[in-house]
């Protein structure tokens, strides 16, 4: 019996890509105090949500928009760019 969906040669499992992204984000956060809060602020999520994503067996994962924002943020950090947290604007 064939699996329902076979992966093409060279294709990376989507969950593997997310695991690698979260591992990179976790390593970046461990680099200095306050980084997990900074990442949470940039993504517009509570710090405990980011912490939960880094669990050994996370019950929740970032949604697609959060994952893309995390990817962009980490790329900026690698390039040495600083970004201010995108906190909600008070009216």
PDB file of N, CA and C in Angstrom:
ATOM      1  N   UNK A   1       0.829  -1.173   0.000  1.00  0.00           N
ATOM      2  CA  UNK A   1       0.000   0.000   0.000  1.00  0.00           C
ATOM      3  C   UNK A   1       0.878   1.242   0.000  1.00  0.00           C
ATOM      4  N   UNK A   2       0.631   2.188  -0.881  1.00  0.00           N
ATOM      5  CA  UNK A   2       1.412   3.407  -0.987  1.00  0.00           C
ATOM      6  C   UNK A   2       0.907   4.457  -0.011  1.00  0.00           C
ATOM      7  N   UNK A   3       1.815   5.280   0.516  1.00  0.00           N
ATOM      8  CA  UNK A   3       1.362   6.360   1.388  1.00  0.00           C
ATOM      9  C   UNK A   3       0.487   7.328   0.591  1.00  0.00           C
ATOM     10  N   UNK A   4      -0.403   8.006   1.308  1.00  0.00           N
ATOM     11  CA  UNK A   4      -1.324   8.937   0.659  1.00  0.00           C
ATOM     12  C   UNK A   4      -0.552  10.027  -0.071  1.00  0.00           C
ATOM     13  N   UNK A   5       0.475  10.535   0.548  1.00  0.00           N
ATOM     14  CA  UNK A   5       1.243  11.618  -0.061  1.00  0.00           C
ATOM     15  C   UNK A   5       2.723  11.298   0.047  1.00  0.00           C
ATOM     16  N   UNK A   6       3.365  11.173  -1.073  1.00  0.00           N
ATOM     17  CA  UNK A   6       4.796  10.921  -1.066  1.00  0.00           C
ATOM     18  C   UNK A   6       5.525  12.235  -1.282  1.00  0.00           C
ATOM     19  N   UNK A   7       6.658  12.366  -0.621  1.00  0.00           N
ATOM     20  CA  UNK A   7       7.463  13.557  -0.801  1.00  0.00           C
ATOM     21  C   UNK A   7       8.401  13.359  -1.978  1.00  0.00           C
ATOM     22  N   UNK A   8       8.563  14.416  -2.741  1.00  0.00           N
ATOM     23  CA  UNK A   8       9.501  14.380  -3.850  1.00  0.00           C
ATOM     24  C   UNK A   8      10.916  14.362  -3.302  1.00  0.00           C
ATOM     25  N   UNK A   9      11.845  13.865  -4.121  1.00  0.00           N
ATOM     26  CA  UNK A   9      13.242  13.875  -3.710  1.00  0.00           C
ATOM     27  C   UNK A   9      13.677  15.318  -3.469  1.00  0.00           C
ATOM     28  N   UNK A  10      14.381  15.520  -2.374  1.00  0.00           N
ATOM     29  CA  UNK A  10      14.895  16.847  -2.075  1.00  0.00           C
ATOM     30  C   UNK A  10      13.906  17.739  -1.335  1.00  0.00           C
ATOM     31  N   UNK A  11      12.667  17.328  -1.198  1.00  0.00           N
ATOM     32  CA  UNK A  11      11.682  18.135  -0.485  1.00  0.00           C
ATOM     33  C   UNK A  11      11.896  17.957   1.015  1.00  0.00           C
ATOM     34  N   UNK A  12      11.721  19.029   1.730  1.00  0.00           N
ATOM     35  CA  UNK A  12      11.863  18.994   3.182  1.00  0.00           C
ATOM     36  C   UNK A  12      10.468  19.009   3.782  1.00  0.00           C
ATOM     37  N   UNK A  13      10.253  18.142   4.743  1.00  0.00           N
ATOM     38  CA  UNK A  13       8.975  18.089   5.438  1.00  0.00           C
ATOM     39  C   UNK A  13       8.695  19.450   6.061  1.00  0.00           C
ATOM     40  N   UNK A  14       7.465  19.941   5.895  1.00  0.00           N
ATOM     41  CA  UNK A  14       7.106  21.264   6.412  1.00  0.00           C
ATOM     42  C   UNK A  14       7.332  21.371   7.906  1.00  0.00           C
ATOM     43  N   UNK A  15       7.015  20.333   8.643  1.00  0.00           N
ATOM     44  CA  UNK A  15       7.207  20.390  10.083  1.00  0.00           C
ATOM     45  C   UNK A  15       8.702  20.441  10.433  1.00  0.00           C
ATOM     46  N   UNK A  16       9.537  19.859   9.594  1.00  0.00           N
ATOM     47  CA  UNK A  16      10.987  19.947   9.817  1.00  0.00           C
ATOM     48  C   UNK A  16      11.475  21.384   9.647  1.00  0.00           C
ATOM     49  N   UNK A  17      10.949  22.069   8.645  1.00  0.00           N
ATOM     50  CA  UNK A  17      11.337  23.476   8.449  1.00  0.00           C
ATOM     51  C   UNK A  17      10.937  24.310   9.655  1.00  0.00           C
ATOM     52  N   UNK A  18       9.736  24.079  10.170  1.00  0.00           N
ATOM     53  CA  UNK A  18       9.281  24.824  11.338  1.00  0.00           C
ATOM     54  C   UNK A  18      10.135  24.476  12.554  1.00  0.00           C
ATOM     55  N   UNK A  19      10.482  23.219  12.717  1.00  0.00           N
ATOM     56  CA  UNK A  19      11.344  22.815  13.838  1.00  0.00           C
ATOM     57  C   UNK A  19      12.697  23.510  13.759  1.00  0.00           C
ATOM     58  N   UNK A  20      13.257  23.591  12.553  1.00  0.00           N
ATOM     59  CA  UNK A  20      14.553  24.271  12.393  1.00  0.00           C
ATOM     60  C   UNK A  20      14.432  25.755  12.695  1.00  0.00           C
ATOM     61  N   UNK A  21      13.334  26.376  12.246  1.00  0.00           N
ATOM     62  CA  UNK A  21      13.110  27.794  12.520  1.00  0.00           C
ATOM     63  C   UNK A  21      12.992  28.030  14.024  1.00  0.00           C
ATOM     64  N   UNK A  22      12.210  27.188  14.696  1.00  0.00           N
ATOM     65  CA  UNK A  22      12.052  27.340  16.144  1.00  0.00           C
ATOM     66  C   UNK A  22      13.363  27.078  16.881  1.00  0.00           C
ATOM     67  N   UNK A  23      14.157  26.136  16.398  1.00  0.00           N
ATOM     68  CA  UNK A  23      15.461  25.863  17.024  1.00  0.00           C
ATOM     69  C   UNK A  23      16.384  27.076  16.873  1.00  0.00           C
ATOM     70  N   UNK A  24      16.358  27.697  15.700  1.00  0.00           N
ATOM     71  CA  UNK A  24      17.180  28.892  15.487  1.00  0.00           C
ATOM     72  C   UNK A  24      16.705  30.027  16.385  1.00  0.00           C
ATOM     73  N   UNK A  25      15.393  30.217  16.472  1.00  0.00           N
ATOM     74  CA  UNK A  25      14.843  31.277  17.320  1.00  0.00           C
ATOM     75  C   UNK A  25      15.180  31.020  18.784  1.00  0.00           C
ATOM     76  N   UNK A  26      15.094  29.772  19.202  1.00  0.00           N
ATOM     77  CA  UNK A  26      15.408  29.417  20.589  1.00  0.00           C
ATOM     78  C   UNK A  26      16.872  29.700  20.890  1.00  0.00           C
ATOM     79  N   UNK A  27      17.743  29.336  19.971  1.00  0.00           N
ATOM     80  CA  UNK A  27      19.175  29.595  20.164  1.00  0.00           C
ATOM     81  C   UNK A  27      19.436  31.098  20.241  1.00  0.00           C
ATOM     82  N   UNK A  28      18.768  31.884  19.400  1.00  0.00           N
ATOM     83  CA  UNK A  28      18.940  33.339  19.418  1.00  0.00           C
ATOM     84  C   UNK A  28      18.469  33.893  20.754  1.00  0.00           C
ATOM     85  N   UNK A  29      17.324  33.419  21.235  1.00  0.00           N
ATOM     86  CA  UNK A  29      16.784  33.895  22.508  1.00  0.00           C
ATOM     87  C   UNK A  29      17.703  33.579  23.674  1.00  0.00           C
ATOM     88  N   UNK A  30      18.370  32.429  23.623  1.00  0.00           N
ATOM     89  CA  UNK A  30      19.272  32.041  24.707  1.00  0.00           C
ATOM     90  C   UNK A  30      20.541  32.893  24.722  1.00  0.00           C
ATOM     91  N   UNK A  31      20.804  33.613  23.638  1.00  0.00           N
ATOM     92  CA  UNK A  31      22.031  34.391  23.510  1.00  0.00           C
ATOM     93  C   UNK A  31      22.153  35.560  24.464  1.00  0.00           C
ATOM     94  N   UNK A  32      21.044  36.100  24.928  1.00  0.00           N
ATOM     95  CA  UNK A  32      21.095  37.245  25.834  1.00  0.00           C
ATOM     96  C   UNK A  32      19.771  37.373  26.581  1.00  0.00           C
ATOM     97  N   UNK A  33      19.865  37.929  27.746  1.00  0.00           N
ATOM     98  CA  UNK A  33      18.674  38.138  28.576  1.00  0.00           C
ATOM     99  C   UNK A  33      17.706  39.096  27.867  1.00  0.00           C
ATOM    100  N   UNK A  34      16.413  38.764  27.921  1.00  0.00           N
ATOM    101  CA  UNK A  34      15.387  39.642  27.373  1.00  0.00           C
ATOM    102  C   UNK A  34      15.025  39.390  25.926  1.00  0.00           C
ATOM    103  N   UNK A  35      15.746  38.505  25.269  1.00  0.00           N
ATOM    104  CA  UNK A  35      15.478  38.273  23.849  1.00  0.00           C
ATOM    105  C   UNK A  35      14.142  37.586  23.603  1.00  0.00           C
ATOM    106  N   UNK A  36      13.741  36.695  24.493  1.00  0.00           N
ATOM    107  CA  UNK A  36      12.462  36.023  24.314  1.00  0.00           C
ATOM    108  C   UNK A  36      11.328  37.047  24.393  1.00  0.00           C
ATOM    109  N   UNK A  37      11.444  38.000  25.293  1.00  0.00           N
ATOM    110  CA  UNK A  37      10.447  39.070  25.395  1.00  0.00           C
ATOM    111  C   UNK A  37      10.480  39.953  24.153  1.00  0.00           C
ATOM    112  N   UNK A  38      11.673  40.210  23.635  1.00  0.00           N
ATOM    113  CA  UNK A  38      11.811  41.011  22.420  1.00  0.00           C
ATOM    114  C   UNK A  38      11.140  40.312  21.236  1.00  0.00           C
ATOM    115  N   UNK A  39      11.397  39.025  21.085  1.00  0.00           N
ATOM    116  CA  UNK A  39      10.786  38.273  19.998  1.00  0.00           C
ATOM    117  C   UNK A  39       9.266  38.255  20.142  1.00  0.00           C
ATOM    118  N   UNK A  40       8.777  38.058  21.356  1.00  0.00           N
ATOM    119  CA  UNK A  40       7.341  38.050  21.596  1.00  0.00           C
ATOM    120  C   UNK A  40       6.717  39.397  21.225  1.00  0.00           C
ATOM    121  N   UNK A  41       7.397  40.485  21.582  1.00  0.00           N
ATOM    122  CA  UNK A  41       6.882  41.819  21.268  1.00  0.00           C
ATOM    123  C   UNK A  41       6.835  42.052  19.766  1.00  0.00           C
ATOM    124  N   UNK A  42       7.869  41.626  19.064  1.00  0.00           N
ATOM    125  CA  UNK A  42       7.917  41.791  17.614  1.00  0.00           C
ATOM    126  C   UNK A  42       6.795  41.001  16.948  1.00  0.00           C
ATOM    127  N   UNK A  43       6.526  39.805  17.463  1.00  0.00           N
ATOM    128  CA  UNK A  43       5.498  38.949  16.880  1.00  0.00           C
ATOM    129  C   UNK A  43       4.095  39.300  17.365  1.00  0.00           C
ATOM    130  N   UNK A  44       4.021  40.139  18.404  1.00  0.00           N
ATOM    131  CA  UNK A  44       2.721  40.530  18.927  1.00  0.00           C
ATOM    132  C   UNK A  44       2.016  39.429  19.699  1.00  0.00           C
ATOM    133  N   UNK A  45       2.816  38.605  20.387  1.00  0.00           N
ATOM    134  CA  UNK A  45       2.258  37.511  21.184  1.00  0.00           C
ATOM    135  C   UNK A  45       2.799  37.623  22.605  1.00  0.00           C
ATOM    136  N   UNK A  46       2.127  36.996  23.578  1.00  0.00           N
ATOM    137  CA  UNK A  46       2.673  36.998  24.939  1.00  0.00           C
ATOM    138  C   UNK A  46       3.966  36.178  25.012  1.00  0.00           C
ATOM    139  N   UNK A  47       4.820  36.533  25.965  1.00  0.00           N
ATOM    140  CA  UNK A  47       6.089  35.830  26.109  1.00  0.00           C
ATOM    141  C   UNK A  47       5.884  34.350  26.391  1.00  0.00           C
ATOM    142  N   UNK A  48       4.828  34.010  27.140  1.00  0.00           N
ATOM    143  CA  UNK A  48       4.596  32.598  27.457  1.00  0.00           C
ATOM    144  C   UNK A  48       4.261  31.789  26.205  1.00  0.00           C
ATOM    145  N   UNK A  49       3.716  32.437  25.169  1.00  0.00           N
ATOM    146  CA  UNK A  49       3.433  31.720  23.918  1.00  0.00           C
ATOM    147  C   UNK A  49       4.743  31.312  23.246  1.00  0.00           C
ATOM    148  N   UNK A  50       5.693  32.239  23.215  1.00  0.00           N
ATOM    149  CA  UNK A  50       7.005  31.940  22.623  1.00  0.00           C
ATOM    150  C   UNK A  50       7.679  30.830  23.419  1.00  0.00           C
ATOM    151  N   UNK A  51       7.600  30.921  24.732  1.00  0.00           N
ATOM    152  CA  UNK A  51       8.186  29.897  25.587  1.00  0.00           C
ATOM    153  C   UNK A  51       7.562  28.530  25.308  1.00  0.00           C
ATOM    154  N   UNK A  52       6.251  28.503  25.108  1.00  0.00           N
ATOM    155  CA  UNK A  52       5.554  27.238  24.831  1.00  0.00           C
ATOM    156  C   UNK A  52       6.000  26.636  23.500  1.00  0.00           C
ATOM    157  N   UNK A  53       6.306  27.474  22.515  1.00  0.00           N
ATOM    158  CA  UNK A  53       6.770  26.978  21.212  1.00  0.00           C
ATOM    159  C   UNK A  53       8.108  26.262  21.348  1.00  0.00           C
ATOM    160  N   UNK A  54       8.911  26.666  22.339  1.00  0.00           N
ATOM    161  CA  UNK A  54      10.241  26.096  22.518  1.00  0.00           C
ATOM    162  C   UNK A  54      10.234  24.823  23.357  1.00  0.00           C
ATOM    163  N   UNK A  55       9.083  24.367  23.800  1.00  0.00           N
ATOM    164  CA  UNK A  55       8.994  23.148  24.602  1.00  0.00           C
ATOM    165  C   UNK A  55       9.465  21.949  23.786  1.00  0.00           C
ATOM    166  N   UNK A  56       9.893  20.893  24.474  1.00  0.00           N
ATOM    167  CA  UNK A  56      10.381  19.689  23.805  1.00  0.00           C
ATOM    168  C   UNK A  56       9.301  19.119  22.899  1.00  0.00           C
ATOM    169  N   UNK A  57       8.093  19.029  23.398  1.00  0.00           N
ATOM    170  CA  UNK A  57       6.957  18.576  22.595  1.00  0.00           C
ATOM    171  C   UNK A  57       5.862  19.638  22.699  1.00  0.00           C
ATOM    172  N   UNK A  58       5.963  20.684  21.885  1.00  0.00           N
ATOM    173  CA  UNK A  58       5.011  21.792  22.019  1.00  0.00           C
ATOM    174  C   UNK A  58       3.578  21.376  21.694  1.00  0.00           C
ATOM    175  N   UNK A  59       2.647  21.909  22.486  1.00  0.00           N
ATOM    176  CA  UNK A  59       1.229  21.639  22.233  1.00  0.00           C
ATOM    177  C   UNK A  59       0.683  22.603  21.190  1.00  0.00           C
ATOM    178  N   UNK A  60       1.318  23.777  21.085  1.00  0.00           N
ATOM    179  CA  UNK A  60       0.912  24.774  20.092  1.00  0.00           C
ATOM    180  C   UNK A  60       2.139  25.203  19.302  1.00  0.00           C
ATOM    181  N   UNK A  61       1.875  25.678  18.107  1.00  0.00           N
ATOM    182  CA  UNK A  61       2.944  26.168  17.243  1.00  0.00           C
ATOM    183  C   UNK A  61       2.550  27.525  16.699  1.00  0.00           C
ATOM    184  N   UNK A  62       3.527  28.303  16.245  1.00  0.00           N
ATOM    185  CA  UNK A  62       3.172  29.592  15.657  1.00  0.00           C
ATOM    186  C   UNK A  62       2.366  29.382  14.380  1.00  0.00           C
ATOM    187  N   UNK A  63       1.462  30.329  14.110  1.00  0.00           N
ATOM    188  CA  UNK A  63       0.716  30.232  12.857  1.00  0.00           C
ATOM    189  C   UNK A  63       1.622  30.673  11.715  1.00  0.00           C
ATOM    190  N   UNK A  64       1.133  30.606  10.503  1.00  0.00           N
ATOM    191  CA  UNK A  64       1.960  30.904   9.323  1.00  0.00           C
ATOM    192  C   UNK A  64       2.476  32.339   9.351  1.00  0.00           C
ATOM    193  N   UNK A  65       1.619  33.284   9.708  1.00  0.00           N
ATOM    194  CA  UNK A  65       2.025  34.693   9.747  1.00  0.00           C
ATOM    195  C   UNK A  65       3.117  34.914  10.793  1.00  0.00           C
ATOM    196  N   UNK A  66       2.958  34.294  11.953  1.00  0.00           N
ATOM    197  CA  UNK A  66       3.966  34.418  13.010  1.00  0.00           C
ATOM    198  C   UNK A  66       5.275  33.774  12.593  1.00  0.00           C
ATOM    199  N   UNK A  67       5.204  32.630  11.934  1.00  0.00           N
ATOM    200  CA  UNK A  67       6.421  31.952  11.482  1.00  0.00           C
ATOM    201  C   UNK A  67       7.161  32.798  10.447  1.00  0.00           C
ATOM    202  N   UNK A  68       6.419  33.407   9.530  1.00  0.00           N
ATOM    203  CA  UNK A  68       7.064  34.267   8.529  1.00  0.00           C
ATOM    204  C   UNK A  68       7.692  35.496   9.176  1.00  0.00           C
ATOM    205  N   UNK A  69       6.986  36.091  10.126  1.00  0.00           N
ATOM    206  CA  UNK A  69       7.530  37.258  10.830  1.00  0.00           C
ATOM    207  C   UNK A  69       8.777  36.871  11.620  1.00  0.00           C
ATOM    208  N   UNK A  70       8.762  35.681  12.215  1.00  0.00           N
ATOM    209  CA  UNK A  70       9.920  35.196  12.962  1.00  0.00           C
ATOM    210  C   UNK A  70      11.105  34.990  12.026  1.00  0.00           C
ATOM    211  N   UNK A  71      10.851  34.421  10.866  1.00  0.00           N
ATOM    212  CA  UNK A  71      11.905  34.206   9.875  1.00  0.00           C
ATOM    213  C   UNK A  71      12.524  35.533   9.446  1.00  0.00           C
ATOM    214  N   UNK A  72      11.683  36.515   9.137  1.00  0.00           N
ATOM    215  CA  UNK A  72      12.180  37.840   8.738  1.00  0.00           C
ATOM    216  C   UNK A  72      12.990  38.475   9.865  1.00  0.00           C
ATOM    217  N   UNK A  73      12.485  38.388  11.082  1.00  0.00           N
ATOM    218  CA  UNK A  73      13.169  38.973  12.231  1.00  0.00           C
ATOM    219  C   UNK A  73      14.546  38.349  12.432  1.00  0.00           C
ATOM    220  N   UNK A  74      14.616  37.027  12.353  1.00  0.00           N
ATOM    221  CA  UNK A  74      15.909  36.359  12.541  1.00  0.00           C
ATOM    222  C   UNK A  74      16.884  36.697  11.421  1.00  0.00           C
ATOM    223  N   UNK A  75      16.381  36.857  10.213  1.00  0.00           N
ATOM    224  CA  UNK A  75      17.251  37.267   9.106  1.00  0.00           C
ATOM    225  C   UNK A  75      17.814  38.657   9.363  1.00  0.00           C
ATOM    226  N   UNK A  76      16.978  39.560   9.862  1.00  0.00           N
ATOM    227  CA  UNK A  76      17.443  40.912  10.196  1.00  0.00           C
ATOM    228  C   UNK A  76      18.496  40.871  11.296  1.00  0.00           C
ATOM    229  N   UNK A  77      18.292  39.999  12.275  1.00  0.00           N
ATOM    230  CA  UNK A  77      19.249  39.891  13.365  1.00  0.00           C
ATOM    231  C   UNK A  77      20.600  39.369  12.861  1.00  0.00           C
ATOM    232  N   UNK A  78      20.562  38.427  11.935  1.00  0.00           N
ATOM    233  CA  UNK A  78      21.814  37.909  11.360  1.00  0.00           C
ATOM    234  C   UNK A  78      22.552  38.995  10.594  1.00  0.00           C
ATOM    235  N   UNK A  79      21.801  39.909   9.992  1.00  0.00           N
ATOM    236  CA  UNK A  79      22.401  40.991   9.216  1.00  0.00           C
ATOM    237  C   UNK A  79      22.782  42.182  10.096  1.00  0.00           C
ATOM    238  N   UNK A  80      22.498  42.079  11.379  1.00  0.00           N
ATOM    239  CA  UNK A  80      22.873  43.141  12.311  1.00  0.00           C
ATOM    240  C   UNK A  80      21.906  44.302  12.350  1.00  0.00           C
ATOM    241  N   UNK A  81      20.728  44.147  11.789  1.00  0.00           N
ATOM    242  CA  UNK A  81      19.734  45.223  11.815  1.00  0.00           C
ATOM    243  C   UNK A  81      18.963  45.145  13.113  1.00  0.00           C
ATOM    244  N   UNK A  82      18.616  46.315  13.631  1.00  0.00           N
ATOM    245  CA  UNK A  82      17.816  46.377  14.862  1.00  0.00           C
ATOM    246  C   UNK A  82      16.393  46.749  14.488  1.00  0.00           C
ATOM    247  N   UNK A  83      15.456  46.099  15.113  1.00  0.00           N
ATOM    248  CA  UNK A  83      14.054  46.404  14.872  1.00  0.00           C
ATOM    249  C   UNK A  83      13.392  46.687  16.214  1.00  0.00           C
ATOM    250  N   UNK A  84      12.596  47.736  16.250  1.00  0.00           N
ATOM    251  CA  UNK A  84      11.855  48.025  17.469  1.00  0.00           C
ATOM    252  C   UNK A  84      10.655  47.097  17.548  1.00  0.00           C
ATOM    253  N   UNK A  85      10.302  46.670  18.746  1.00  0.00           N
ATOM    254  CA  UNK A  85       9.124  45.803  18.882  1.00  0.00           C
ATOM    255  C   UNK A  85       7.884  46.490  18.331  1.00  0.00           C
ATOM    256  N   UNK A  86       7.046  45.708  17.666  1.00  0.00           N
ATOM    257  CA  UNK A  86       5.827  46.260  17.078  1.00  0.00           C
ATOM    258  C   UNK A  86       4.673  46.122  18.053  1.00  0.00           C
ATOM    259  N   UNK A  87       4.757  46.894  19.129  1.00  0.00           N
ATOM    260  CA  UNK A  87       3.716  46.863  20.143  1.00  0.00           C
ATOM    261  C   UNK A  87       2.493  47.618  19.642  1.00  0.00           C
ATOM    262  N   UNK A  88       1.317  47.258  20.127  1.00  0.00           N
ATOM    263  CA  UNK A  88       0.119  47.979  19.695  1.00  0.00           C
ATOM    264  C   UNK A  88       0.184  49.440  20.093  1.00  0.00           C
ATOM    265  N   UNK A  89      -0.341  50.292  19.252  1.00  0.00           N
ATOM    266  CA  UNK A  89      -0.340  51.732  19.496  1.00  0.00           C
ATOM    267  C   UNK A  89      -1.510  52.081  20.399  1.00  0.00           C
ATOM    268  N   UNK A  90      -1.228  52.841  21.454  1.00  0.00           N
ATOM    269  CA  UNK A  90      -2.301  53.261  22.362  1.00  0.00           C
ATOM    270  C   UNK A  90      -3.004  54.465  21.774  1.00  0.00           C
ATOM    271  N   UNK A  91      -4.334  54.483  21.893  1.00  0.00           N
ATOM    272  CA  UNK A  91      -5.104  55.632  21.391  1.00  0.00           C
ATOM    273  C   UNK A  91      -5.552  56.493  22.529  1.00  0.00           C
TER     274      UNK A  91
END
